[in-house]
Amino acid sequence: MRCPFCGHNDTQVKDSRPSEDHISIRRRRHCPGCAGRFTTYERVQLRDLFVLKKNNRREIFDRDKLERSIRIALQKRPIEPERVEQMITGIVRRLESLGDSDIQSDKIGKIVMETLARIDTVAYVRFASVYKNFQALGDFEDFVSELHPKKIEASNN
């Protein structure tokens, strides 16, 4: 593992343990070159995933990009970091279990929206505003008005 501070190629693992969520391995590392210390996380990847974009480009699925977009939607919301990590891992596992390594970007967006809708309505609307490319206030109003019947329906059951 390359040192993020000095670029030395041979860092040493000082401690390994499961992370709090037991989904990844947390490794504390030490660089003999600069004496820097840093942490890495190792996750199991079941298969290589590729995203098929709307413009027909194909690119490697980037878990970090998914995480950034979800964290932006959840910014300043009362959701615990562990819950966010579990949600992201759940989405990735769901994508891996679809059976195909090529996944349409729309499919990923829909899965993220379904997940956010169950966790936090504000984050759901934030994510939808980017995913659905809202251009005007009316777009928000239409989207939110669609939410109200669903909420009323759910509370009546």
Foldseek 3Di string as FASTA:
>chain_A
DADPPPRDDDKAWDDWDQPPVNQWIKTWIADPVPRDIDIDIGGDQPDWAWEQEPVRDIGTDDLVVVLVLLCVLCPPPPDDPVVSVVLSVVLNVVVVPVPDRYYYPVVSLVSSLVSCVVPPPSSSLVSCCVVVVDDDPVVSVVVVVVVVVVVVVVVVD
